[in-house]
Amino acid sequence: MSPKETLLCLSLFLLVSFSTPSASVNDELTVYQVLEEYDFPVGILPKGVLGYELNNSTGKFSVYLNGTCTFSIDSYKLKYKSTITGVITDDKISSLSGIKVKVLFLWLSIVKVIRDDDELEFSVGIGSADFPVSNFVESPTCGCGFDCVNGKGSKIKINNLVSSA
């Protein structure tokens, strides 16, 4: 192959590689590893994610579960749809859809998560609440949360989920 042909092939390869909106540059990474790359703990997603798509240039993502995932943590009930979408950047997840929390008798959508040092702020639009990042080092299990083995397991303590923003 001549130098001119080699240069042409290399140019075409680079053009195709960078123009294709791929799921991720690091397709080998799990969604939990991607969360950590953006400075989020793995426990904001339940165990058992089937796959994900991430547009690295826009931050738009989709996460896929094997159906709806519901579990309780203390007096709160959380519900993850089979598809969760949003936009992720360092320390911020916005335009979030597919995750709801039951507060009293209302189901409220969690629309934004912001990391500020060792705290995570969860926003439901009309209010938000802060929790220590250390509460999310482990992923909950669909159906039983953190209380899955004979009534024993680690538990998250969550208080005052909705406070005025």
N, C-alpha and C. Protein backbone atom coordinates (compact mmCIF):
# COMPACT_ATOMS: atom_id res chain seq x y z
N MET A 1 0.85 -1.16 0.00
CA MET A 1 0.00 0.00 0.00
C MET A 1 0.90 1.24 0.00
N SER A 2 0.58 2.18 -0.86
CA SER A 2 1.38 3.40 -0.96
C SER A 2 1.10 4.30 0.26
N PRO A 3 2.01 5.23 0.53
CA PRO A 3 1.79 6.16 1.65
C PRO A 3 0.50 6.96 1.48
N LYS A 4 0.16 7.28 0.23
CA LYS A 4 -1.07 8.03 -0.04
C LYS A 4 -2.29 7.19 0.32
N GLU A 5 -2.29 5.91 -0.07
CA GLU A 5 -3.40 5.01 0.24
C GLU A 5 -3.50 4.78 1.75
N THR A 6 -2.36 4.64 2.44
CA THR A 6 -2.34 4.44 3.88
C THR A 6 -2.95 5.65 4.58
N LEU A 7 -2.59 6.85 4.14
CA LEU A 7 -3.13 8.07 4.72
C LEU A 7 -4.63 8.16 4.49
N LEU A 8 -5.08 7.79 3.29
CA LEU A 8 -6.50 7.80 2.97
C LEU A 8 -7.27 6.83 3.87
N CYS A 9 -6.75 5.60 4.03
CA CYS A 9 -7.40 4.61 4.89
C CYS A 9 -7.47 5.08 6.34
N LEU A 10 -6.40 5.65 6.83
CA LEU A 10 -6.35 6.16 8.19
C LEU A 10 -7.36 7.29 8.37
N SER A 11 -7.44 8.18 7.38
CA SER A 11 -8.40 9.29 7.44
C SER A 11 -9.84 8.78 7.47
N LEU A 12 -10.14 7.80 6.63
CA LEU A 12 -11.48 7.22 6.61
C LEU A 12 -11.80 6.54 7.94
N PHE A 13 -10.83 5.81 8.48
CA PHE A 13 -11.04 5.15 9.76
C PHE A 13 -11.35 6.17 10.86
N LEU A 14 -10.58 7.25 10.92
CA LEU A 14 -10.79 8.28 11.94
C LEU A 14 -12.13 8.98 11.74
N LEU A 15 -12.49 9.25 10.48
CA LEU A 15 -13.77 9.89 10.19
C LEU A 15 -14.93 9.04 10.66
N VAL A 16 -14.91 7.74 10.34
CA VAL A 16 -15.97 6.83 10.76
C VAL A 16 -16.00 6.67 12.28
N SER A 17 -14.84 6.58 12.90
CA SER A 17 -14.75 6.38 14.34
C SER A 17 -15.33 7.54 15.12
N PHE A 18 -15.08 8.77 14.67
CA PHE A 18 -15.51 9.93 15.43
C PHE A 18 -16.85 10.48 14.99
N SER A 19 -17.37 10.08 13.85
CA SER A 19 -18.65 10.60 13.41
C SER A 19 -19.81 9.70 13.84
N THR A 20 -19.53 8.48 14.23
CA THR A 20 -20.58 7.57 14.65
C THR A 20 -20.94 7.83 16.10
N PRO A 21 -22.20 8.16 16.40
CA PRO A 21 -22.58 8.38 17.80
C PRO A 21 -22.65 7.03 18.52
N SER A 22 -21.54 6.62 19.03
CA SER A 22 -21.46 5.29 19.65
C SER A 22 -22.09 5.30 21.03
N ALA A 23 -22.41 4.12 21.52
CA ALA A 23 -22.98 3.98 22.86
C ALA A 23 -21.99 4.49 23.89
N SER A 24 -20.75 4.23 23.68
CA SER A 24 -19.72 4.68 24.60
C SER A 24 -18.36 4.40 23.98
N VAL A 25 -17.41 5.26 24.24
CA VAL A 25 -16.05 4.99 23.77
C VAL A 25 -15.51 3.76 24.48
N ASN A 26 -15.89 3.60 25.74
CA ASN A 26 -15.43 2.46 26.54
C ASN A 26 -16.57 1.46 26.69
N ASP A 27 -16.93 0.77 25.60
CA ASP A 27 -18.04 -0.16 25.64
C ASP A 27 -17.84 -1.27 26.66
N GLU A 28 -16.59 -1.50 27.10
CA GLU A 28 -16.33 -2.56 28.06
C GLU A 28 -16.74 -2.16 29.47
N LEU A 29 -16.90 -0.87 29.74
CA LEU A 29 -17.25 -0.41 31.08
C LEU A 29 -18.69 -0.77 31.40
N THR A 30 -18.93 -1.13 32.65
CA THR A 30 -20.31 -1.32 33.10
C THR A 30 -20.91 0.05 33.39
N VAL A 31 -22.21 0.10 33.51
CA VAL A 31 -22.87 1.37 33.83
C VAL A 31 -22.42 1.86 35.20
N TYR A 32 -22.11 0.95 36.10
CA TYR A 32 -21.66 1.31 37.44
C TYR A 32 -20.27 1.98 37.38
N GLN A 33 -19.41 1.49 36.50
CA GLN A 33 -18.10 2.11 36.31
C GLN A 33 -18.23 3.49 35.66
N VAL A 34 -19.19 3.63 34.76
CA VAL A 34 -19.44 4.93 34.14
C VAL A 34 -19.91 5.93 35.19
N LEU A 35 -20.80 5.49 36.09
CA LEU A 35 -21.24 6.37 37.18
C LEU A 35 -20.04 6.89 37.96
N GLU A 36 -19.14 5.99 38.30
CA GLU A 36 -17.96 6.37 39.06
C GLU A 36 -17.07 7.35 38.29
N GLU A 37 -16.99 7.19 36.97
CA GLU A 37 -16.21 8.13 36.16
C GLU A 37 -16.78 9.54 36.23
N TYR A 38 -18.08 9.66 36.45
CA TYR A 38 -18.73 10.96 36.57
C TYR A 38 -18.88 11.39 38.02
N ASP A 39 -18.20 10.68 38.94
CA ASP A 39 -18.14 11.01 40.37
C ASP A 39 -19.44 10.70 41.12
N PHE A 40 -20.16 9.67 40.67
CA PHE A 40 -21.36 9.21 41.37
C PHE A 40 -21.14 7.83 41.94
N PRO A 41 -21.75 7.53 43.08
CA PRO A 41 -21.64 6.18 43.64
C PRO A 41 -22.54 5.20 42.89
N VAL A 42 -22.16 3.92 42.90
CA VAL A 42 -22.90 2.90 42.15
C VAL A 42 -24.30 2.68 42.69
N GLY A 43 -24.52 2.98 43.96
CA GLY A 43 -25.79 2.68 44.61
C GLY A 43 -26.97 3.54 44.22
N ILE A 44 -26.76 4.48 43.29
CA ILE A 44 -27.94 5.22 42.82
C ILE A 44 -28.71 4.42 41.78
N LEU A 45 -28.12 3.31 41.32
CA LEU A 45 -28.82 2.38 40.44
C LEU A 45 -28.92 1.03 41.13
N PRO A 46 -30.03 0.31 40.91
CA PRO A 46 -30.14 -1.03 41.50
C PRO A 46 -29.25 -2.03 40.78
N LYS A 47 -29.03 -3.17 41.41
CA LYS A 47 -28.29 -4.27 40.79
C LYS A 47 -29.08 -4.78 39.59
N GLY A 48 -28.37 -5.35 38.63
CA GLY A 48 -29.03 -6.03 37.53
C GLY A 48 -29.30 -5.22 36.29
N VAL A 49 -28.58 -4.13 36.08
CA VAL A 49 -28.76 -3.36 34.85
C VAL A 49 -28.35 -4.25 33.67
N LEU A 50 -29.21 -4.31 32.66
CA LEU A 50 -28.94 -5.14 31.48
C LEU A 50 -28.00 -4.47 30.49
N GLY A 51 -28.07 -3.16 30.39
CA GLY A 51 -27.24 -2.45 29.44
C GLY A 51 -27.49 -0.96 29.53
N TYR A 52 -26.72 -0.22 28.75
CA TYR A 52 -26.88 1.23 28.73
C TYR A 52 -26.35 1.78 27.42
N GLU A 53 -26.76 3.00 27.12
CA GLU A 53 -26.24 3.76 26.00
C GLU A 53 -25.82 5.11 26.54
N LEU A 54 -24.70 5.61 26.08
CA LEU A 54 -24.21 6.92 26.50
C LEU A 54 -23.60 7.64 25.31
N ASN A 55 -24.11 8.82 25.04
CA ASN A 55 -23.51 9.67 24.01
C ASN A 55 -22.49 10.54 24.73
N ASN A 56 -21.21 10.26 24.50
CA ASN A 56 -20.15 10.96 25.23
C ASN A 56 -20.10 12.45 24.93
N SER A 57 -20.57 12.88 23.77
CA SER A 57 -20.49 14.31 23.45
C SER A 57 -21.61 15.11 24.10
N THR A 58 -22.80 14.52 24.27
CA THR A 58 -23.92 15.25 24.86
C THR A 58 -24.21 14.85 26.30
N GLY A 59 -23.75 13.67 26.70
CA GLY A 59 -24.04 13.17 28.05
C GLY A 59 -25.40 12.49 28.15
N LYS A 60 -26.15 12.46 27.05
CA LYS A 60 -27.45 11.79 27.09
C LYS A 60 -27.24 10.29 27.28
N PHE A 61 -28.07 9.70 28.15
CA PHE A 61 -27.93 8.28 28.42
C PHE A 61 -29.28 7.60 28.55
N SER A 62 -29.26 6.31 28.38
CA SER A 62 -30.40 5.42 28.66
C SER A 62 -29.83 4.21 29.40
N VAL A 63 -30.51 3.80 30.45
CA VAL A 63 -30.13 2.62 31.22
C VAL A 63 -31.30 1.66 31.16
N TYR A 64 -31.00 0.37 30.95
CA TYR A 64 -32.06 -0.62 30.76
C TYR A 64 -32.05 -1.67 31.87
N LEU A 65 -33.21 -1.85 32.48
CA LEU A 65 -33.41 -2.87 33.50
C LEU A 65 -34.33 -3.95 32.93
N ASN A 66 -34.37 -5.10 33.57
CA ASN A 66 -35.23 -6.18 33.15
C ASN A 66 -36.62 -5.98 33.76
N GLY A 67 -37.31 -4.94 33.36
CA GLY A 67 -38.64 -4.63 33.89
C GLY A 67 -38.57 -3.58 34.98
N THR A 68 -39.74 -3.27 35.53
CA THR A 68 -39.83 -2.30 36.61
C THR A 68 -39.17 -2.86 37.87
N CYS A 69 -38.50 -1.99 38.59
CA CYS A 69 -37.79 -2.39 39.81
C CYS A 69 -38.32 -1.55 40.96
N THR A 70 -38.89 -2.21 41.96
CA THR A 70 -39.44 -1.51 43.11
C THR A 70 -38.87 -2.10 44.39
N PHE A 71 -38.56 -1.25 45.34
CA PHE A 71 -38.08 -1.69 46.65
C PHE A 71 -38.31 -0.58 47.66
N SER A 72 -38.25 -0.95 48.92
CA SER A 72 -38.43 0.01 50.00
C SER A 72 -37.13 0.20 50.75
N ILE A 73 -36.93 1.44 51.18
CA ILE A 73 -35.83 1.78 52.07
C ILE A 73 -36.45 2.59 53.19
N ASP A 74 -36.42 2.03 54.39
CA ASP A 74 -37.10 2.63 55.52
C ASP A 74 -38.56 2.86 55.15
N SER A 75 -39.06 4.08 55.28
CA SER A 75 -40.48 4.33 55.01
C SER A 75 -40.73 4.79 53.57
N TYR A 76 -39.71 4.81 52.73
CA TYR A 76 -39.84 5.26 51.34
C TYR A 76 -39.87 4.07 50.40
N LYS A 77 -40.66 4.22 49.35
CA LYS A 77 -40.71 3.22 48.30
C LYS A 77 -40.16 3.86 47.03
N LEU A 78 -39.24 3.16 46.36
CA LEU A 78 -38.65 3.64 45.12
C LEU A 78 -39.08 2.76 43.97
N LYS A 79 -39.28 3.39 42.82
CA LYS A 79 -39.68 2.65 41.62
C LYS A 79 -38.84 3.12 40.45
N TYR A 80 -38.13 2.16 39.83
CA TYR A 80 -37.34 2.42 38.64
C TYR A 80 -38.08 1.78 37.47
N LYS A 81 -38.33 2.54 36.42
CA LYS A 81 -38.92 1.98 35.20
C LYS A 81 -37.87 1.13 34.50
N SER A 82 -38.31 0.37 33.52
CA SER A 82 -37.36 -0.50 32.79
C SER A 82 -36.35 0.30 31.98
N THR A 83 -36.68 1.55 31.65
CA THR A 83 -35.74 2.43 30.96
C THR A 83 -35.63 3.74 31.73
N ILE A 84 -34.40 4.12 32.05
CA ILE A 84 -34.13 5.36 32.76
C ILE A 84 -33.30 6.22 31.81
N THR A 85 -33.68 7.49 31.67
CA THR A 85 -32.96 8.38 30.76
C THR A 85 -32.57 9.66 31.48
N GLY A 86 -31.61 10.36 30.89
CA GLY A 86 -31.19 11.64 31.44
C GLY A 86 -29.95 12.14 30.75
N VAL A 87 -29.33 13.14 31.37
CA VAL A 87 -28.10 13.72 30.87
C VAL A 87 -27.12 13.74 32.04
N ILE A 88 -25.93 13.18 31.83
CA ILE A 88 -24.93 13.11 32.89
C ILE A 88 -23.71 13.94 32.54
N THR A 89 -23.25 14.68 33.53
CA THR A 89 -21.99 15.40 33.46
C THR A 89 -21.31 15.18 34.81
N ASP A 90 -20.09 15.65 34.95
CA ASP A 90 -19.43 15.49 36.24
C ASP A 90 -20.28 16.09 37.34
N ASP A 91 -20.60 15.28 38.34
CA ASP A 91 -21.33 15.69 39.54
C ASP A 91 -22.78 16.13 39.31
N LYS A 92 -23.36 15.85 38.14
CA LYS A 92 -24.74 16.27 37.90
C LYS A 92 -25.44 15.33 36.92
N ILE A 93 -26.63 14.89 37.31
CA ILE A 93 -27.52 14.15 36.40
C ILE A 93 -28.79 14.98 36.30
N SER A 94 -29.14 15.40 35.09
CA SER A 94 -30.31 16.24 34.88
C SER A 94 -31.25 15.60 33.86
N SER A 95 -32.41 16.23 33.68
CA SER A 95 -33.44 15.73 32.75
C SER A 95 -33.71 14.25 33.00
N LEU A 96 -33.66 13.86 34.25
CA LEU A 96 -33.81 12.46 34.64
C LEU A 96 -35.27 12.04 34.53
N SER A 97 -35.49 10.86 33.97
CA SER A 97 -36.84 10.29 33.95
C SER A 97 -36.74 8.79 34.16
N GLY A 98 -37.75 8.25 34.80
CA GLY A 98 -37.79 6.81 35.02
C GLY A 98 -37.56 6.38 36.46
N ILE A 99 -37.38 7.34 37.39
CA ILE A 99 -37.19 7.00 38.80
C ILE A 99 -38.18 7.82 39.63
N LYS A 100 -38.94 7.13 40.47
CA LYS A 100 -39.92 7.80 41.33
C LYS A 100 -39.73 7.36 42.77
N VAL A 101 -40.11 8.24 43.67
CA VAL A 101 -40.09 7.95 45.10
C VAL A 101 -41.48 8.26 45.66
N LYS A 102 -41.94 7.40 46.55
CA LYS A 102 -43.24 7.62 47.18
C LYS A 102 -43.01 8.33 48.50
N VAL A 103 -43.55 9.53 48.59
CA VAL A 103 -43.47 10.33 49.81
C VAL A 103 -44.89 10.52 50.32
N LEU A 104 -45.12 10.01 51.52
CA LEU A 104 -46.47 9.94 52.09
C LEU A 104 -47.33 9.12 51.13
N PHE A 105 -48.25 9.74 50.40
CA PHE A 105 -49.10 8.99 49.47
C PHE A 105 -48.89 9.42 48.02
N LEU A 106 -47.89 10.27 47.78
CA LEU A 106 -47.63 10.77 46.43
C LEU A 106 -46.39 10.13 45.82
N TRP A 107 -46.49 9.78 44.53
CA TRP A 107 -45.32 9.34 43.77
C TRP A 107 -44.73 10.57 43.10
N LEU A 108 -43.48 10.88 43.40
CA LEU A 108 -42.80 12.04 42.83
C LEU A 108 -41.62 11.58 41.98
N SER A 109 -41.45 12.18 40.83
CA SER A 109 -40.33 11.84 39.96
C SER A 109 -39.05 12.53 40.43
N ILE A 110 -37.98 11.77 40.52
CA ILE A 110 -36.67 12.36 40.80
C ILE A 110 -36.17 12.87 39.45
N VAL A 111 -35.92 14.19 39.36
CA VAL A 111 -35.59 14.80 38.08
C VAL A 111 -34.13 15.24 37.97
N LYS A 112 -33.45 15.30 39.12
CA LYS A 112 -32.06 15.75 39.09
C LYS A 112 -31.32 15.19 40.30
N VAL A 113 -30.05 14.86 40.11
CA VAL A 113 -29.17 14.43 41.20
C VAL A 113 -27.88 15.21 41.05
N ILE A 114 -27.48 15.88 42.13
CA ILE A 114 -26.25 16.66 42.12
C ILE A 114 -25.34 16.18 43.24
N ARG A 115 -24.08 15.99 42.91
CA ARG A 115 -23.10 15.64 43.95
C ARG A 115 -22.37 16.91 44.36
N ASP A 116 -22.35 17.16 45.67
CA ASP A 116 -21.63 18.29 46.23
C ASP A 116 -20.77 17.75 47.35
N ASP A 117 -19.49 17.52 47.06
CA ASP A 117 -18.54 16.90 47.99
C ASP A 117 -19.05 15.53 48.42
N ASP A 118 -19.37 15.36 49.69
CA ASP A 118 -19.80 14.06 50.22
C ASP A 118 -21.32 13.97 50.37
N GLU A 119 -22.05 14.80 49.64
CA GLU A 119 -23.51 14.80 49.70
C GLU A 119 -24.09 14.63 48.30
N LEU A 120 -25.24 13.96 48.25
CA LEU A 120 -26.02 13.87 47.01
C LEU A 120 -27.33 14.60 47.26
N GLU A 121 -27.67 15.49 46.35
CA GLU A 121 -28.94 16.20 46.42
C GLU A 121 -29.87 15.60 45.37
N PHE A 122 -31.02 15.10 45.83
CA PHE A 122 -32.03 14.54 44.95
C PHE A 122 -33.16 15.55 44.84
N SER A 123 -33.48 15.96 43.62
CA SER A 123 -34.53 16.94 43.40
C SER A 123 -35.75 16.27 42.77
N VAL A 124 -36.92 16.61 43.31
CA VAL A 124 -38.18 16.14 42.74
C VAL A 124 -38.94 17.30 42.10
N GLY A 125 -38.22 18.36 41.80
CA GLY A 125 -38.82 19.52 41.16
C GLY A 125 -39.32 20.54 42.17
N ILE A 126 -40.27 20.14 43.01
CA ILE A 126 -40.84 21.06 44.00
C ILE A 126 -40.01 21.13 45.27
N GLY A 127 -39.08 20.26 45.42
CA GLY A 127 -38.22 20.23 46.60
C GLY A 127 -37.06 19.29 46.37
N SER A 128 -36.18 19.27 47.36
CA SER A 128 -35.03 18.39 47.25
C SER A 128 -34.59 17.96 48.64
N ALA A 129 -33.73 16.97 48.68
CA ALA A 129 -33.19 16.48 49.94
C ALA A 129 -31.75 16.04 49.71
N ASP A 130 -30.93 16.22 50.72
CA ASP A 130 -29.52 15.84 50.67
C ASP A 130 -29.28 14.61 51.51
N PHE A 131 -28.40 13.72 51.00
CA PHE A 131 -28.03 12.50 51.71
C PHE A 131 -26.54 12.28 51.57
N PRO A 132 -25.92 11.66 52.56
CA PRO A 132 -24.49 11.35 52.44
C PRO A 132 -24.22 10.37 51.30
N VAL A 133 -23.14 10.60 50.56
CA VAL A 133 -22.74 9.71 49.49
C VAL A 133 -22.52 8.30 50.04
N SER A 134 -22.07 8.20 51.27
CA SER A 134 -21.79 6.90 51.88
C SER A 134 -23.03 6.00 51.96
N ASN A 135 -24.22 6.59 51.84
CA ASN A 135 -25.45 5.79 51.82
C ASN A 135 -25.62 5.02 50.52
N PHE A 136 -24.81 5.33 49.50
CA PHE A 136 -25.02 4.79 48.17
C PHE A 136 -23.81 4.02 47.63
N VAL A 137 -22.99 3.48 48.52
CA VAL A 137 -21.82 2.74 48.06
C VAL A 137 -22.18 1.35 47.56
N GLU A 138 -23.36 0.87 47.91
CA GLU A 138 -23.83 -0.45 47.50
C GLU A 138 -25.13 -0.29 46.71
N SER A 139 -25.30 -1.09 45.67
CA SER A 139 -26.54 -1.04 44.89
C SER A 139 -27.62 -1.87 45.55
N PRO A 140 -28.85 -1.32 45.62
CA PRO A 140 -29.96 -2.10 46.17
C PRO A 140 -30.40 -3.19 45.19
N THR A 141 -31.12 -4.16 45.71
CA THR A 141 -31.64 -5.25 44.90
C THR A 141 -33.14 -5.04 44.68
N CYS A 142 -33.59 -5.22 43.45
CA CYS A 142 -35.00 -5.08 43.14
C CYS A 142 -35.81 -6.04 44.01
N GLY A 143 -36.90 -5.54 44.55
CA GLY A 143 -37.78 -6.36 45.37
C GLY A 143 -37.51 -6.28 46.85
N CYS A 144 -36.23 -6.19 47.23
CA CYS A 144 -35.93 -6.20 48.67
C CYS A 144 -34.97 -5.11 49.11
N GLY A 145 -34.47 -4.30 48.22
CA GLY A 145 -33.59 -3.19 48.60
C GLY A 145 -32.30 -3.66 49.23
N PHE A 146 -32.09 -3.31 50.50
CA PHE A 146 -30.88 -3.69 51.23
C PHE A 146 -31.16 -4.72 52.31
N ASP A 147 -32.38 -5.23 52.34
CA ASP A 147 -32.78 -6.16 53.40
C ASP A 147 -33.19 -7.48 52.76
N CYS A 148 -32.23 -8.13 52.11
CA CYS A 148 -32.56 -9.26 51.24
C CYS A 148 -32.27 -10.65 51.80
N VAL A 149 -31.43 -10.78 52.81
CA VAL A 149 -31.02 -12.10 53.27
C VAL A 149 -31.59 -12.36 54.66
N ASN A 150 -32.65 -13.15 54.73
CA ASN A 150 -33.25 -13.52 56.02
C ASN A 150 -33.50 -12.33 56.93
N GLY A 151 -33.97 -11.23 56.35
CA GLY A 151 -34.25 -10.06 57.17
C GLY A 151 -33.00 -9.33 57.63
N LYS A 152 -31.82 -9.77 57.17
CA LYS A 152 -30.58 -9.11 57.57
C LYS A 152 -29.91 -8.51 56.34
N GLY A 153 -29.21 -7.47 56.57
CA GLY A 153 -28.47 -6.82 55.49
C GLY A 153 -28.20 -5.39 55.86
N SER A 154 -27.41 -4.74 55.08
CA SER A 154 -27.14 -3.34 55.38
C SER A 154 -28.36 -2.52 55.01
N LYS A 155 -28.58 -1.45 55.73
CA LYS A 155 -29.73 -0.61 55.47
C LYS A 155 -29.30 0.84 55.32
N ILE A 156 -30.00 1.53 54.47
CA ILE A 156 -29.79 2.97 54.31
C ILE A 156 -30.76 3.67 55.24
N LYS A 157 -30.32 4.69 55.90
CA LYS A 157 -31.21 5.52 56.71
C LYS A 157 -31.46 6.81 55.93
N ILE A 158 -32.71 7.02 55.57
CA ILE A 158 -33.08 8.20 54.82
C ILE A 158 -34.13 8.96 55.62
N ASN A 159 -33.86 10.23 55.84
CA ASN A 159 -34.79 11.07 56.58
C ASN A 159 -35.12 12.32 55.78
N ASN A 160 -36.34 12.79 55.92
CA ASN A 160 -36.76 14.05 55.31
C ASN A 160 -36.47 14.10 53.82
N LEU A 161 -37.08 13.22 53.06
CA LEU A 161 -36.78 13.16 51.62
C LEU A 161 -37.14 14.45 50.91
N VAL A 162 -38.23 15.08 51.27
CA VAL A 162 -38.61 16.30 50.58
C VAL A 162 -38.54 17.46 51.56
N SER A 163 -37.67 18.40 51.27
CA SER A 163 -37.59 19.62 52.04
C SER A 163 -37.66 20.77 51.06
N SER A 164 -37.95 21.92 51.53
CA SER A 164 -38.09 23.05 50.61
C SER A 164 -36.77 23.34 49.94
N ALA A 165 -36.83 23.66 48.67
CA ALA A 165 -35.62 23.88 47.87
C ALA A 165 -35.05 25.26 48.12
